Each structure stands twice: as structure tokens, then as C-alpha cells.
Amino acid sequence: MLKRSATILAFAMLAACGQPEPTAPAAPAPATAAAPAPAPAALVRKAAPAGAMAYIIEPTDGATVTNPVRVVFGLKGIGVAPAGVDRNDAGHHHLLVDAGLPADLGVPIPNDEQHRHFGGGQTETTLTLTPGRHTLQLLLGDHLHIPFDPPIASTVVTIEVQ
């Protein structure tokens, strides 16, 4: 049941990012006494390509910036593809703002102010942040917003917004 709920959540996350949902697997036939119902398909984390890495090009760690804050994303050893496009050699960015990596990397990355999705394949953004210290980190997700295994994440960049 947990895996089925995670699949439903993954489809909802795609819709929240404005991405088309992939075709859902057909519902299993009702169970009969003679044959148990098949288990729902598991969400499997895609293997990260060897040497793949994400990094923040701009702003640099320790920078003092003003609004709007321009954040430029970088990747090495893996490409960019929009959410919903199932490729082993590409993913899309998620920007974690003042948040650490999610505790459960086997489910889709949340979509909120601290976990910003770039499901269209964007490679930069501008943010308006409150004055003070903030942390930024990239986390690459697959077509269903699930982090790769191992996760492809940038180092944390700390900035001061004036």
C-alpha cells in the first residue's frame, strides 16, 4: 500500500509542476480466492551515472547578494530533461532553500517554498529572499522527482541577502 501511495504522490508532484502525468499502470484485477492480487509496481531509484555531479555556478559560497538573487545551476556527467521524460542519462533540478536533503530519498521530492521544482528543465532562476543568511543546494530528480541513487546533489552554498 505504501508503494502505491508513493506512486500516486509522484503523479501528483508532476501535476503540481505543470508536467504531464505518465500513463498510470492499469489497476490490478480484483483479488479472487484462487489468485492473490499482484503487488503494485515499486518506485525504483534510478542509478546515478558514474561521476555525475550537480553544482551551483552562481552565487558563490559566502557571497553577499541583493534581491532578486540569480541562481545558476550546473551539471557534469548527466543531462537535463523535463519532468515526465524518462531517461537514465538525464534528470531535472530541484533547489533546496534553507533545507537539508530529504530524509526519505525513495519518494518524490516535496514541492514547496523550501523545495523548488524546475520540471521544465530550467537551468537558472531568480529568487526573492528575506534579508539574512540562506542556504541553497541542488538535488537532481528523475522523471518522477525521485532522487538518483546515490543522490546527485550540490554542496551547500551559504549566502547573505542584504
Protein backbone atom coordinates (compact mmCIF):
# COMPACT_ATOMS: atom_id res chain seq x y z
CA MET A 1 0.00 0.00 0.00
CA LEU A 2 2.88 2.36 0.80
CA LYS A 3 4.41 1.90 -2.66
CA ARG A 4 1.03 2.56 -4.33
CA SER A 5 0.64 5.75 -2.26
CA ALA A 6 4.12 6.84 -3.33
CA THR A 7 3.19 6.27 -7.00
CA ILE A 8 0.05 8.38 -6.58
CA LEU A 9 2.14 11.06 -4.84
CA ALA A 10 4.63 11.00 -7.74
CA PHE A 11 1.83 11.64 -10.25
CA ALA A 12 0.51 14.47 -8.07
CA MET A 13 4.01 16.01 -7.91
CA LEU A 14 4.22 16.01 -11.71
CA ALA A 15 0.87 17.76 -11.93
CA ALA A 16 1.97 20.33 -9.35
CA CYS A 17 4.95 21.22 -11.55
CA GLY A 18 2.74 21.60 -14.60
CA GLN A 19 4.14 18.42 -16.12
CA PRO A 20 2.00 15.80 -17.85
CA GLU A 21 1.43 12.67 -15.84
CA PRO A 22 2.87 9.48 -17.26
CA THR A 23 0.32 6.85 -18.08
CA ALA A 24 -0.59 5.12 -14.82
CA PRO A 25 -0.40 1.35 -14.76
CA ALA A 26 -3.74 -0.35 -15.07
CA ALA A 27 -5.42 -1.14 -11.76
CA PRO A 28 -4.99 -4.77 -10.81
CA ALA A 29 -8.00 -7.03 -11.23
CA PRO A 30 -9.97 -7.69 -8.03
CA ALA A 31 -8.46 -10.48 -6.00
CA THR A 32 -10.11 -13.85 -6.04
CA ALA A 33 -9.80 -16.66 -3.53
CA ALA A 34 -7.73 -18.66 -6.02
CA ALA A 35 -5.21 -15.95 -7.00
CA PRO A 36 -3.92 -13.08 -4.87
CA ALA A 37 -3.80 -9.62 -6.44
CA PRO A 38 -0.37 -8.64 -7.80
CA ALA A 39 1.63 -6.15 -5.76
CA PRO A 40 1.70 -2.58 -7.13
CA ALA A 41 4.80 -1.55 -9.02
CA ALA A 42 7.56 -0.28 -6.78
CA LEU A 43 9.13 3.13 -7.25
CA VAL A 44 12.76 2.37 -8.00
CA ARG A 45 15.50 4.97 -7.73
CA LYS A 46 17.49 5.31 -10.93
CA ALA A 47 21.20 4.65 -10.67
CA ALA A 48 23.25 7.82 -10.93
CA PRO A 49 25.73 7.82 -13.82
CA ALA A 50 29.30 7.38 -12.58
CA GLY A 51 30.88 10.74 -11.83
CA ALA A 52 27.64 12.72 -12.22
CA MET A 53 27.51 15.86 -10.14
CA ALA A 54 25.40 18.97 -9.59
CA TYR A 55 26.78 22.33 -8.56
CA ILE A 56 25.71 25.94 -8.16
CA ILE A 57 27.58 28.25 -10.53
CA GLU A 58 26.14 31.45 -9.09
CA PRO A 59 26.03 32.75 -6.38
CA THR A 60 29.27 31.55 -4.89
CA ASP A 61 29.53 30.25 -1.34
CA GLY A 62 29.84 33.12 1.13
CA ALA A 63 28.56 35.76 -1.33
CA THR A 64 26.65 38.82 -0.17
CA VAL A 65 23.80 39.46 -2.62
CA THR A 66 20.72 41.61 -3.12
CA ASN A 67 17.28 40.69 -4.41
CA PRO A 68 16.45 39.32 -6.83
CA VAL A 69 19.02 36.56 -6.30
CA ARG A 70 20.09 34.90 -9.54
CA VAL A 71 20.88 31.19 -9.11
CA VAL A 72 22.58 29.36 -11.98
CA PHE A 73 22.63 25.54 -11.95
CA GLY A 74 25.42 23.31 -13.24
CA LEU A 75 25.69 19.61 -14.05
CA LYS A 76 28.56 17.34 -15.02
CA GLY A 77 28.24 13.79 -16.36
CA ILE A 78 24.45 13.90 -16.72
CA GLY A 79 21.99 15.87 -18.84
CA VAL A 80 18.82 17.85 -18.23
CA ALA A 81 15.37 16.60 -19.24
CA PRO A 82 11.93 17.87 -18.21
CA ALA A 83 9.94 16.06 -15.53
CA GLY A 84 7.91 13.26 -17.04
CA VAL A 85 10.64 12.39 -19.59
CA ASP A 86 12.04 9.02 -18.52
CA ARG A 87 15.77 8.94 -19.32
CA ASN A 88 18.59 7.21 -17.44
CA ASP A 89 21.13 9.85 -18.53
CA ALA A 90 19.17 12.96 -17.52
CA GLY A 91 17.10 14.50 -14.75
CA HIS A 92 15.81 17.88 -13.65
CA HIS A 93 16.80 20.30 -10.91
CA HIS A 94 15.24 20.89 -7.52
CA LEU A 95 16.56 23.82 -5.48
CA LEU A 96 16.55 23.34 -1.73
CA VAL A 97 16.29 26.70 0.03
CA ASP A 98 17.15 26.66 3.73
CA ALA A 99 16.54 22.90 3.80
CA GLY A 100 18.66 19.79 4.00
CA LEU A 101 18.35 16.75 1.79
CA PRO A 102 15.01 14.97 2.28
CA ALA A 103 15.09 12.21 4.90
CA ASP A 104 13.48 9.67 2.55
CA LEU A 105 15.22 9.71 -0.83
CA GLY A 106 12.97 6.94 -2.14
CA VAL A 107 9.93 9.17 -2.60
CA PRO A 108 9.35 12.27 -4.76
CA ILE A 109 10.97 15.49 -3.58
CA PRO A 110 8.37 17.77 -1.94
CA ASN A 111 7.19 20.84 -3.87
CA ASP A 112 7.06 23.87 -1.58
CA GLU A 113 8.94 27.09 -0.84
CA GLN A 114 11.93 25.14 0.50
CA HIS A 115 11.94 22.54 -2.31
CA ARG A 116 11.55 24.35 -5.61
CA HIS A 117 10.97 22.26 -8.72
CA PHE A 118 12.33 23.05 -12.16
CA GLY A 119 10.47 20.36 -14.05
CA GLY A 120 10.66 22.23 -17.33
CA GLY A 121 14.41 21.58 -17.49
CA GLN A 122 15.35 25.12 -16.40
CA THR A 123 18.99 25.74 -15.56
CA GLU A 124 18.66 29.01 -13.67
CA THR A 125 16.17 31.05 -11.67
CA THR A 126 15.78 34.25 -9.69
CA LEU A 127 14.61 34.24 -6.08
CA THR A 128 13.39 36.91 -3.73
CA LEU A 129 14.65 36.04 -0.26
CA THR A 130 14.29 37.79 3.08
CA PRO A 131 17.35 39.68 4.29
CA GLY A 132 19.75 37.46 6.20
CA ARG A 133 21.64 34.22 5.79
CA HIS A 134 20.27 31.49 3.50
CA THR A 135 21.45 28.12 2.22
CA LEU A 136 20.99 26.79 -1.31
CA GLN A 137 21.53 23.24 -2.58
CA LEU A 138 20.63 21.48 -5.82
CA LEU A 139 19.19 17.98 -5.90
CA LEU A 140 18.62 16.24 -9.22
CA GLY A 141 15.42 14.25 -9.62
CA ASP A 142 14.31 11.72 -12.20
CA HIS A 143 11.15 11.91 -14.33
CA LEU A 144 9.03 11.35 -11.18
CA HIS A 145 11.00 13.79 -8.95
CA ILE A 146 12.77 10.93 -7.15
CA PRO A 147 16.47 11.50 -6.37
CA PHE A 148 19.03 9.31 -8.13
CA ASP A 149 20.94 6.60 -6.26
CA PRO A 150 23.28 7.82 -4.94
CA PRO A 151 21.78 11.32 -4.85
CA ILE A 152 23.20 13.86 -7.28
CA ALA A 153 23.36 16.92 -5.04
CA SER A 154 25.49 20.03 -4.96
CA THR A 155 27.45 21.18 -1.96
CA VAL A 156 25.54 23.65 0.18
CA VAL A 157 26.06 27.30 -0.76
CA THR A 158 25.55 29.84 2.04
CA ILE A 159 24.70 33.42 1.05
CA GLU A 160 23.88 36.63 2.85
CA VAL A 161 20.99 38.63 1.41
CA GLN A 162 21.08 42.38 2.16
